């Protein structure tokens, strides 16, 4: 599958309809839990190519707009894309930290055009991503990052892949967004991904319906089948 660089609507087109929709998602997340804000959100999809990385980078940017100190963490160690969205190097990052080749403070980039937004790239592709993400070191790192940022947004691999990366990270995050590309995946795929996430202890916040076509409104805003709410955008794949 051809890899597509995520599009940064919230930075490149801040007044666009797409940017506003990501702000809607931000607001929905903010008020999705009684008694406090969700401080860590994992973004995933059923299958690759549904737009999860585009949703992750724009959601992080939208959250930073609201005055939050936000860390965007690329947890997709197999097909990382976050660094490409911001044109950042990926010679060191999450994998480097987990194999004790770097400290996290040396791998985090401040985004100049988005005050409050920081990015931790995936780092070099590892031969054993599942082992790294499931390690005690990853759990400790995540706790340290939680103490240092108001909000963490994680771009994770797709759920219905022959490895457990997304499910492992989903247990750490306080909430999960499931990106669904209209016309790309079957109902059974989305249902299977939802069940896997819930069975592994994930808290599913909602579904982001991507590239909805037809009807009087170009974007779907609600989907009771998957969660209490669902917001949508029309970015490309990623």
C-alpha atoms as a PDB file:
ATOM      1  CA  UNK A   1       0.000   0.000   0.000  1.00  0.00           C
ATOM      2  CA  UNK A   2       1.300   3.448  -0.955  1.00  0.00           C
ATOM      3  CA  UNK A   3       2.026   5.516   2.120  1.00  0.00           C
ATOM      4  CA  UNK A   4       0.397   8.944   2.322  1.00  0.00           C
ATOM      5  CA  UNK A   5       1.740  11.796   4.421  1.00  0.00           C
ATOM      6  CA  UNK A   6      -0.884  13.028   6.946  1.00  0.00           C
ATOM      7  CA  UNK A   7      -2.327  16.453   6.139  1.00  0.00           C
ATOM      8  CA  UNK A   8      -2.140  19.195   8.759  1.00  0.00           C
ATOM      9  CA  UNK A   9      -5.419  21.050   8.307  1.00  0.00           C
ATOM     10  CA  UNK A  10      -5.297  22.785  11.684  1.00  0.00           C
ATOM     11  CA  UNK A  11      -1.959  24.423  10.865  1.00  0.00           C
ATOM     12  CA  UNK A  12      -2.023  24.803   7.084  1.00  0.00           C
ATOM     13  CA  UNK A  13      -5.750  25.632   6.770  1.00  0.00           C
ATOM     14  CA  UNK A  14      -6.850  26.790  10.243  1.00  0.00           C
ATOM     15  CA  UNK A  15     -10.095  28.380   8.969  1.00  0.00           C
ATOM     16  CA  UNK A  16     -11.169  25.397   6.870  1.00  0.00           C
ATOM     17  CA  UNK A  17     -14.182  23.196   7.555  1.00  0.00           C
ATOM     18  CA  UNK A  18     -11.871  20.268   8.231  1.00  0.00           C
ATOM     19  CA  UNK A  19      -9.978  22.206  10.911  1.00  0.00           C
ATOM     20  CA  UNK A  20     -13.259  23.125  12.589  1.00  0.00           C
ATOM     21  CA  UNK A  21     -14.310  19.482  12.649  1.00  0.00           C
ATOM     22  CA  UNK A  22     -11.140  18.526  14.500  1.00  0.00           C
ATOM     23  CA  UNK A  23     -11.963  21.221  17.037  1.00  0.00           C
ATOM     24  CA  UNK A  24     -15.373  19.599  17.392  1.00  0.00           C
ATOM     25  CA  UNK A  25     -13.696  16.267  18.118  1.00  0.00           C
ATOM     26  CA  UNK A  26     -11.507  18.035  20.688  1.00  0.00           C
ATOM     27  CA  UNK A  27     -14.573  19.462  22.417  1.00  0.00           C
ATOM     28  CA  UNK A  28     -16.359  16.110  22.415  1.00  0.00           C
ATOM     29  CA  UNK A  29     -13.359  14.471  24.053  1.00  0.00           C
ATOM     30  CA  UNK A  30     -13.072  17.224  26.639  1.00  0.00           C
ATOM     31  CA  UNK A  31     -16.634  16.660  27.856  1.00  0.00           C
ATOM     32  CA  UNK A  32     -16.762  12.897  27.430  1.00  0.00           C
ATOM     33  CA  UNK A  33     -15.930  12.107  31.054  1.00  0.00           C
ATOM     34  CA  UNK A  34     -17.594  13.451  34.158  1.00  0.00           C
ATOM     35  CA  UNK A  35     -15.187  14.597  36.850  1.00  0.00           C
ATOM     36  CA  UNK A  36     -12.170  15.480  34.740  1.00  0.00           C
ATOM     37  CA  UNK A  37     -10.693  15.734  31.264  1.00  0.00           C
ATOM     38  CA  UNK A  38      -9.356  12.820  29.254  1.00  0.00           C
ATOM     39  CA  UNK A  39      -5.587  13.307  29.346  1.00  0.00           C
ATOM     40  CA  UNK A  40      -4.438  10.597  26.939  1.00  0.00           C
ATOM     41  CA  UNK A  41      -6.139   9.601  23.696  1.00  0.00           C
ATOM     42  CA  UNK A  42      -5.129   6.784  21.377  1.00  0.00           C
ATOM     43  CA  UNK A  43      -6.128   7.053  17.720  1.00  0.00           C
ATOM     44  CA  UNK A  44      -6.425   3.845  15.724  1.00  0.00           C
ATOM     45  CA  UNK A  45      -8.462   2.219  12.956  1.00  0.00           C
ATOM     46  CA  UNK A  46      -9.674  -1.207  11.946  1.00  0.00           C
ATOM     47  CA  UNK A  47      -7.375  -1.456   8.913  1.00  0.00           C
ATOM     48  CA  UNK A  48      -4.484   0.592   7.462  1.00  0.00           C
ATOM     49  CA  UNK A  49      -5.245   3.516   5.182  1.00  0.00           C
ATOM     50  CA  UNK A  50      -8.350   4.857   6.938  1.00  0.00           C
ATOM     51  CA  UNK A  51      -6.841   8.199   7.941  1.00  0.00           C
ATOM     52  CA  UNK A  52      -5.863   7.565  11.569  1.00  0.00           C
ATOM     53  CA  UNK A  53      -2.568   9.464  11.371  1.00  0.00           C
ATOM     54  CA  UNK A  54      -4.231  12.509   9.834  1.00  0.00           C
ATOM     55  CA  UNK A  55      -6.801  12.462  12.630  1.00  0.00           C
ATOM     56  CA  UNK A  56      -4.075  12.084  15.282  1.00  0.00           C
ATOM     57  CA  UNK A  57      -1.893  14.974  14.079  1.00  0.00           C
ATOM     58  CA  UNK A  58      -4.830  17.357  13.662  1.00  0.00           C
ATOM     59  CA  UNK A  59      -6.422  16.397  16.959  1.00  0.00           C
ATOM     60  CA  UNK A  60      -3.130  17.100  18.736  1.00  0.00           C
ATOM     61  CA  UNK A  61      -2.823  20.463  16.985  1.00  0.00           C
ATOM     62  CA  UNK A  62      -6.419  21.366  17.863  1.00  0.00           C
ATOM     63  CA  UNK A  63      -5.824  20.501  21.507  1.00  0.00           C
ATOM     64  CA  UNK A  64      -2.699  22.671  21.597  1.00  0.00           C
ATOM     65  CA  UNK A  65      -4.746  25.566  20.150  1.00  0.00           C
ATOM     66  CA  UNK A  66      -6.878  25.518  23.285  1.00  0.00           C
ATOM     67  CA  UNK A  67      -3.868  26.267  25.480  1.00  0.00           C
ATOM     68  CA  UNK A  68      -3.005  22.712  26.458  1.00  0.00           C
ATOM     69  CA  UNK A  69       0.553  21.406  26.603  1.00  0.00           C
ATOM     70  CA  UNK A  70       0.226  18.478  24.192  1.00  0.00           C
ATOM     71  CA  UNK A  71       2.512  15.605  23.244  1.00  0.00           C
ATOM     72  CA  UNK A  72       1.860  13.765  19.997  1.00  0.00           C
ATOM     73  CA  UNK A  73       3.413  10.306  20.333  1.00  0.00           C
ATOM     74  CA  UNK A  74       3.963   8.120  17.285  1.00  0.00           C
ATOM     75  CA  UNK A  75       3.218   4.638  18.599  1.00  0.00           C
ATOM     76  CA  UNK A  76       3.015   3.059  15.156  1.00  0.00           C
ATOM     77  CA  UNK A  77       6.447   1.473  15.153  1.00  0.00           C
ATOM     78  CA  UNK A  78       5.892  -0.421  11.892  1.00  0.00           C
ATOM     79  CA  UNK A  79       4.662   2.281   9.499  1.00  0.00           C
ATOM     80  CA  UNK A  80       5.339   5.594  11.279  1.00  0.00           C
ATOM     81  CA  UNK A  81       3.998   8.759   9.660  1.00  0.00           C
ATOM     82  CA  UNK A  82       3.866  11.493  12.304  1.00  0.00           C
ATOM     83  CA  UNK A  83       7.407  12.735  11.657  1.00  0.00           C
ATOM     84  CA  UNK A  84       6.569  13.151   7.959  1.00  0.00           C
ATOM     85  CA  UNK A  85       3.574  15.343   8.719  1.00  0.00           C
ATOM     86  CA  UNK A  86       5.833  17.814  10.540  1.00  0.00           C
ATOM     87  CA  UNK A  87       8.918  17.232   8.376  1.00  0.00           C
ATOM     88  CA  UNK A  88      10.932  15.998  11.357  1.00  0.00           C
ATOM     89  CA  UNK A  89      13.895  13.618  11.440  1.00  0.00           C
ATOM     90  CA  UNK A  90      13.197  10.124  12.736  1.00  0.00           C
ATOM     91  CA  UNK A  91      16.701   8.967  13.543  1.00  0.00           C
ATOM     92  CA  UNK A  92      15.810   8.787  17.223  1.00  0.00           C
ATOM     93  CA  UNK A  93      12.511   8.507  19.014  1.00  0.00           C
ATOM     94  CA  UNK A  94      10.344   6.077  20.950  1.00  0.00           C
ATOM     95  CA  UNK A  95      12.280   2.963  19.923  1.00  0.00           C
ATOM     96  CA  UNK A  96      15.577   4.655  20.837  1.00  0.00           C
ATOM     97  CA  UNK A  97      14.253   5.430  24.308  1.00  0.00           C
ATOM     98  CA  UNK A  98      12.940   1.916  24.889  1.00  0.00           C
ATOM     99  CA  UNK A  99      16.277   0.304  24.007  1.00  0.00           C
ATOM    100  CA  UNK A 100      18.139   2.785  26.245  1.00  0.00           C
ATOM    101  CA  UNK A 101      19.886   4.593  23.414  1.00  0.00           C
ATOM    102  CA  UNK A 102      18.388   7.995  24.232  1.00  0.00           C
ATOM    103  CA  UNK A 103      16.445   9.872  26.884  1.00  0.00           C
ATOM    104  CA  UNK A 104      12.962  11.114  26.052  1.00  0.00           C
ATOM    105  CA  UNK A 105      13.925  14.755  26.559  1.00  0.00           C
ATOM    106  CA  UNK A 106      16.424  14.393  23.704  1.00  0.00           C
ATOM    107  CA  UNK A 107      13.803  12.987  21.316  1.00  0.00           C
ATOM    108  CA  UNK A 108      10.920  15.438  21.728  1.00  0.00           C
ATOM    109  CA  UNK A 109      10.457  18.249  19.198  1.00  0.00           C
ATOM    110  CA  UNK A 110       8.638  21.513  19.877  1.00  0.00           C
ATOM    111  CA  UNK A 111       6.515  22.553  16.877  1.00  0.00           C
ATOM    112  CA  UNK A 112       7.308  26.190  16.140  1.00  0.00           C
ATOM    113  CA  UNK A 113       4.050  26.965  14.330  1.00  0.00           C
ATOM    114  CA  UNK A 114       1.923  25.380  17.060  1.00  0.00           C
ATOM    115  CA  UNK A 115       2.781  26.701  20.530  1.00  0.00           C
ATOM    116  CA  UNK A 116       2.231  24.023  23.152  1.00  0.00           C
ATOM    117  CA  UNK A 117       2.519  21.135  20.714  1.00  0.00           C
ATOM    118  CA  UNK A 118       5.415  18.677  20.960  1.00  0.00           C
ATOM    119  CA  UNK A 119       6.121  15.540  18.945  1.00  0.00           C
ATOM    120  CA  UNK A 120       7.868  12.330  19.944  1.00  0.00           C
ATOM    121  CA  UNK A 121       8.568  10.388  16.720  1.00  0.00           C
ATOM    122  CA  UNK A 122       8.636   6.610  16.534  1.00  0.00           C
ATOM    123  CA  UNK A 123      12.368   6.366  15.988  1.00  0.00           C
ATOM    124  CA  UNK A 124      14.048   3.713  13.808  1.00  0.00           C
ATOM    125  CA  UNK A 125      11.891   0.739  12.831  1.00  0.00           C
ATOM    126  CA  UNK A 126      12.418  -2.052  15.358  1.00  0.00           C
ATOM    127  CA  UNK A 127      12.468  -5.801  14.662  1.00  0.00           C
ATOM    128  CA  UNK A 128      10.328  -6.388  17.768  1.00  0.00           C
ATOM    129  CA  UNK A 129       7.755  -3.570  18.166  1.00  0.00           C
ATOM    130  CA  UNK A 130       5.250  -5.649  20.153  1.00  0.00           C
ATOM    131  CA  UNK A 131       7.887  -6.563  22.726  1.00  0.00           C
ATOM    132  CA  UNK A 132       8.982  -2.940  23.130  1.00  0.00           C
ATOM    133  CA  UNK A 133       5.463  -1.574  23.493  1.00  0.00           C
ATOM    134  CA  UNK A 134       4.543  -4.254  26.026  1.00  0.00           C
ATOM    135  CA  UNK A 135       7.645  -3.763  28.149  1.00  0.00           C
ATOM    136  CA  UNK A 136       7.863  -2.370  31.659  1.00  0.00           C
ATOM    137  CA  UNK A 137      10.009   0.387  30.194  1.00  0.00           C
ATOM    138  CA  UNK A 138       7.139   1.549  27.997  1.00  0.00           C
ATOM    139  CA  UNK A 139       4.765   1.665  30.938  1.00  0.00           C
ATOM    140  CA  UNK A 140       7.279   3.663  32.973  1.00  0.00           C
ATOM    141  CA  UNK A 141       7.937   6.038  30.089  1.00  0.00           C
ATOM    142  CA  UNK A 142       4.231   6.639  29.567  1.00  0.00           C
ATOM    143  CA  UNK A 143       3.788   7.507  33.224  1.00  0.00           C
ATOM    144  CA  UNK A 144       6.669   9.994  33.017  1.00  0.00           C
ATOM    145  CA  UNK A 145       5.227  11.601  29.902  1.00  0.00           C
ATOM    146  CA  UNK A 146       1.821  11.826  31.581  1.00  0.00           C
ATOM    147  CA  UNK A 147       3.422  13.843  34.359  1.00  0.00           C
ATOM    148  CA  UNK A 148       5.050  16.234  31.891  1.00  0.00           C
ATOM    149  CA  UNK A 149       2.177  17.057  29.498  1.00  0.00           C
ATOM    150  CA  UNK A 150      -1.455  18.051  29.927  1.00  0.00           C
ATOM    151  CA  UNK A 151      -2.557  15.767  27.099  1.00  0.00           C
ATOM    152  CA  UNK A 152      -0.983  12.920  25.132  1.00  0.00           C
ATOM    153  CA  UNK A 153      -2.288  11.903  21.703  1.00  0.00           C
ATOM    154  CA  UNK A 154      -1.017   8.539  20.439  1.00  0.00           C
ATOM    155  CA  UNK A 155      -1.023   7.493  16.808  1.00  0.00           C
ATOM    156  CA  UNK A 156      -1.192   3.689  17.002  1.00  0.00           C
ATOM    157  CA  UNK A 157      -1.176   0.938  14.404  1.00  0.00           C
ATOM    158  CA  UNK A 158      -4.460  -0.514  13.145  1.00  0.00           C
ATOM    159  CA  UNK A 159      -6.327  -2.990  15.346  1.00  0.00           C
ATOM    160  CA  UNK A 160      -7.010  -5.796  12.859  1.00  0.00           C
ATOM    161  CA  UNK A 161      -3.376  -6.532  12.096  1.00  0.00           C
ATOM    162  CA  UNK A 162      -1.485  -9.745  12.967  1.00  0.00           C
ATOM    163  CA  UNK A 163       0.119  -8.130  16.010  1.00  0.00           C
ATOM    164  CA  UNK A 164      -1.095  -6.635  19.280  1.00  0.00           C
ATOM    165  CA  UNK A 165       0.573  -3.194  19.183  1.00  0.00           C
ATOM    166  CA  UNK A 166      -2.596  -1.083  19.213  1.00  0.00           C
ATOM    167  CA  UNK A 167      -4.277  -3.176  21.893  1.00  0.00           C
ATOM    168  CA  UNK A 168      -1.209  -2.913  24.129  1.00  0.00           C
ATOM    169  CA  UNK A 169      -1.117   0.882  23.882  1.00  0.00           C
ATOM    170  CA  UNK A 170      -4.895   1.158  24.228  1.00  0.00           C
ATOM    171  CA  UNK A 171      -4.666  -0.224  27.754  1.00  0.00           C
ATOM    172  CA  UNK A 172      -2.419   2.701  28.749  1.00  0.00           C
ATOM    173  CA  UNK A 173      -4.512   5.494  27.240  1.00  0.00           C
ATOM    174  CA  UNK A 174      -7.537   6.925  29.033  1.00  0.00           C
ATOM    175  CA  UNK A 175      -9.575   6.884  25.833  1.00  0.00           C
ATOM    176  CA  UNK A 176      -9.565   5.525  22.275  1.00  0.00           C
ATOM    177  CA  UNK A 177     -10.830   6.990  19.011  1.00  0.00           C
ATOM    178  CA  UNK A 178     -11.604   4.538  16.213  1.00  0.00           C
ATOM    179  CA  UNK A 179     -11.219   6.049  12.750  1.00  0.00           C
ATOM    180  CA  UNK A 180     -13.556   4.552  10.149  1.00  0.00           C
ATOM    181  CA  UNK A 181     -13.200   5.377   6.464  1.00  0.00           C
ATOM    182  CA  UNK A 182     -16.555   5.349   4.746  1.00  0.00           C
ATOM    183  CA  UNK A 183     -16.670   2.986   1.796  1.00  0.00           C
ATOM    184  CA  UNK A 184     -13.362   1.335   2.656  1.00  0.00           C
ATOM    185  CA  UNK A 185     -14.036  -1.098   5.497  1.00  0.00           C
ATOM    186  CA  UNK A 186     -16.856  -3.535   6.054  1.00  0.00           C
ATOM    187  CA  UNK A 187     -19.214  -3.389   9.010  1.00  0.00           C
ATOM    188  CA  UNK A 188     -17.732  -6.652  10.309  1.00  0.00           C
ATOM    189  CA  UNK A 189     -14.243  -5.129  10.400  1.00  0.00           C
ATOM    190  CA  UNK A 190     -15.337  -2.159  12.486  1.00  0.00           C
ATOM    191  CA  UNK A 191     -17.365  -4.364  14.812  1.00  0.00           C
ATOM    192  CA  UNK A 192     -14.430  -6.739  15.266  1.00  0.00           C
ATOM    193  CA  UNK A 193     -12.064  -3.861  16.053  1.00  0.00           C
ATOM    194  CA  UNK A 194     -14.514  -2.408  18.573  1.00  0.00           C
ATOM    195  CA  UNK A 195     -14.913  -5.754  20.345  1.00  0.00           C
ATOM    196  CA  UNK A 196     -11.153  -6.351  20.485  1.00  0.00           C
ATOM    197  CA  UNK A 197     -10.550  -2.937  22.003  1.00  0.00           C
ATOM    198  CA  UNK A 198     -13.256  -3.355  24.623  1.00  0.00           C
ATOM    199  CA  UNK A 199     -12.224  -6.910  25.516  1.00  0.00           C
ATOM    200  CA  UNK A 200      -8.694  -5.647  26.123  1.00  0.00           C
ATOM    201  CA  UNK A 201      -9.831  -2.987  28.555  1.00  0.00           C
ATOM    202  CA  UNK A 202      -9.865   0.024  26.242  1.00  0.00           C
ATOM    203  CA  UNK A 203     -12.271   2.892  26.867  1.00  0.00           C
ATOM    204  CA  UNK A 204     -13.781   3.679  23.460  1.00  0.00           C
ATOM    205  CA  UNK A 205     -14.640   7.378  23.293  1.00  0.00           C
ATOM    206  CA  UNK A 206     -16.136   7.404  19.847  1.00  0.00           C
ATOM    207  CA  UNK A 207     -15.724   6.814  16.141  1.00  0.00           C
ATOM    208  CA  UNK A 208     -14.439   9.325  13.621  1.00  0.00           C
ATOM    209  CA  UNK A 209     -16.201   8.724  10.314  1.00  0.00           C
ATOM    210  CA  UNK A 210     -13.798   9.756   7.573  1.00  0.00           C
ATOM    211  CA  UNK A 211     -14.573  10.628   3.925  1.00  0.00           C
ATOM    212  CA  UNK A 212     -18.345  10.364   4.181  1.00  0.00           C
ATOM    213  CA  UNK A 213     -20.004  10.895   0.811  1.00  0.00           C
ATOM    214  CA  UNK A 214     -23.507  11.956  -0.230  1.00  0.00           C
ATOM    215  CA  UNK A 215     -26.417  13.322   1.762  1.00  0.00           C
ATOM    216  CA  UNK A 216     -27.206  16.899   2.644  1.00  0.00           C
ATOM    217  CA  UNK A 217     -24.241  17.101   5.009  1.00  0.00           C
ATOM    218  CA  UNK A 218     -20.743  16.153   3.886  1.00  0.00           C
ATOM    219  CA  UNK A 219     -19.710  14.918   7.329  1.00  0.00           C
ATOM    220  CA  UNK A 220     -21.286  12.486   9.763  1.00  0.00           C
ATOM    221  CA  UNK A 221     -21.472  13.831  13.300  1.00  0.00           C
ATOM    222  CA  UNK A 222     -23.069  11.001  15.221  1.00  0.00           C
ATOM    223  CA  UNK A 223     -22.988   7.205  15.262  1.00  0.00           C
ATOM    224  CA  UNK A 224     -24.768   5.529  18.165  1.00  0.00           C
ATOM    225  CA  UNK A 225     -23.648   2.117  16.991  1.00  0.00           C
ATOM    226  CA  UNK A 226     -20.043   2.612  18.055  1.00  0.00           C
ATOM    227  CA  UNK A 227     -20.218   5.128  20.898  1.00  0.00           C
ATOM    228  CA  UNK A 228     -22.222   8.012  22.296  1.00  0.00           C
ATOM    229  CA  UNK A 229     -20.837  10.373  19.679  1.00  0.00           C
ATOM    230  CA  UNK A 230     -18.816  10.430  16.517  1.00  0.00           C
ATOM    231  CA  UNK A 231     -17.286  13.364  14.691  1.00  0.00           C
ATOM    232  CA  UNK A 232     -15.940  13.263  11.185  1.00  0.00           C
ATOM    233  CA  UNK A 233     -13.590  14.852   8.694  1.00  0.00           C
ATOM    234  CA  UNK A 234     -12.646  14.324   5.104  1.00  0.00           C
ATOM    235  CA  UNK A 235      -8.835  14.096   5.067  1.00  0.00           C
ATOM    236  CA  UNK A 236      -6.834  11.704   2.995  1.00  0.00           C
ATOM    237  CA  UNK A 237      -5.354   8.440   4.114  1.00  0.00           C
ATOM    238  CA  UNK A 238      -2.645   8.081   6.715  1.00  0.00           C
END
